Amino acid sequence: MDTTLSLMRNMVRTRYEDIPEQAIAVTKKQILDCVGVALAGSSAEGVRELVDLSREWGGREQSSVIYHGIKVPAPNAAQINATMTHALDFDDTHDTAVMHPGAVTVTTGFATAERQGMIRGKALLLAVALGTDLMCRLGLATNTGASRLKAGWHFTAIFGFLGAAAVAGRILDLDEDRMMHALGIAYHQSAGNGQCVIDGALTKRMGPGFAAKGGITAALMAEKGITGAKNCLEGEMGLYNLYYRGAYNPQELTAELGKRYEGINLSFKPYPSCRATHPFIDAALALVNEHDIRADEVDRIVVFHGEGAKILCEPLETRRRPRNPVDSQFNIPWVVAVAIAKRQVAIHDFTEAGIRDEAVLEVSGKITPRFDESLKRPALEPGRVEIKTKNGKVFSYQVDDPSGSPANPMTFDDCVRKFFDCASHAARQIPKDHLDRVVEMVGRLERVDDATEVIGLVNTP
């Protein structure tokens, strides 16, 4: 109970001036990145169906659906926007907490802010920074030394319900009692599992949307006076005892709370695929570029992986020949084949047309995964790629800190370039002056009187 109380009070009592400048700077990158990848995912499979359902459901025109030119009730807008943001698996990650916080916190923040009206940029930055920190801490607490992917939970969804409730509750200006109930109501909904990855199902991209919608709903219910369990994290039937059988590190939840913001440890993705594939992409690109290896010169390829990455290598035939785009996103052999065949990895490689590219399939058929005990980590594992050429030469390279990580970061300018590239993949082009305005506003968001203007610029009919 004391832990939940501390986390709740941190959400309610912290002021913008308490947030370190570094955390604010990263939150700006996070917001710009999420808007960009949502544009790229605006026409992804599953999104149009959600838009159609939302039109069918109707309701008040409260919050914008990015790109689609409509407004719907805030929980529904957040659900669609979060799904778009996560659809291409191009959104920010916390490599150690194993989650994508921005898909939940940013979309929840904008949808709730539009419902309320005239929410200042400082208030949005504060809510997103706090919600991201909360989500990451909840995930970090599950780090007990074993591979957490094997537990089967989809962390972004499981902890996203509480993160979204906290973000929405902060923007709604809930008091401490109602914020506590909002978290309890959110916990009662918390769900999300990894079977969707195994089956190549579209629900993988929809988990953050369920969380964003559920979190906003929880905060609105608490605002009305509906109650939820107060000891939702460590109670007898609280999240960690029920879902994890008590296997968690409670000190991770409150260590340096209010001083250390986990947002500063976010990674921003240079490639539109599962973050666990990125060390292998970097390694493959390093080899073909440094040694000028052409795809037709390759005899065989071995990808050495740890325990956590095993799910992305098996079954091998599905990994070599993806059944659908979801399969290709969570697939180490496929991304390595793309990197070797094309010397780049881009959005179009994870489409129906991309997964039928014969040049890539030719390379993927030569790839064999191999487990390496030394690569086991509780979170993001290193990746090693070995290429043997037809003339008998063998080249090997290992990556521990992939591109976009805090140790190898993307700058704000890098995120701007990614933003424009993502926007170019929307089915209908957003006016260039609107995109320029988004970048300019996010860059000075702490001085913006109405943060929701950002979403209005990318919700053009």
Foldseek 3Di string as FASTA:
>chain_A
DVLLLVLLCLLQPDALVLDDPLLLQLLLLQLLLLLLQLLLLCPPPPLVVLVVVQVVVAADQQAFQFQAQGGGQLLSSLLSSLLSSPQLPQHKDQQQLGERLSSQLNSLLLSLLSNVDFDALSLSSSLSLSLQQQLSLVSNQLPLWAAPVVLFFHSHQQSSLLSLLSSNLSSVSPDSQLSLQLNQQSNVVGGGGDVCLLVVHSVVSRSSSVSNSNSNVSSVCSVVPDGGDNPQDPDCCHDCCVSVVVNTHSCSSPPCRSNDGSSSFMFGGPARARPLLQLLLVFLLCVCVVVVDALVFFDAKEKEAEDNLVSQCPPPVCLLQPPALSNPRSHNLQSSLCCRHPVDHYSVCSHPVNSPPVSSSVHSVRYDYDYDHVQDTNGRTKMKMWTATPVGDIDMDIDGAGDRGSVHRDHSVSSLVSSVVSQVSRPDHQDPVLSVVLSVCSVPSNPGRRPSVSSVSRSND
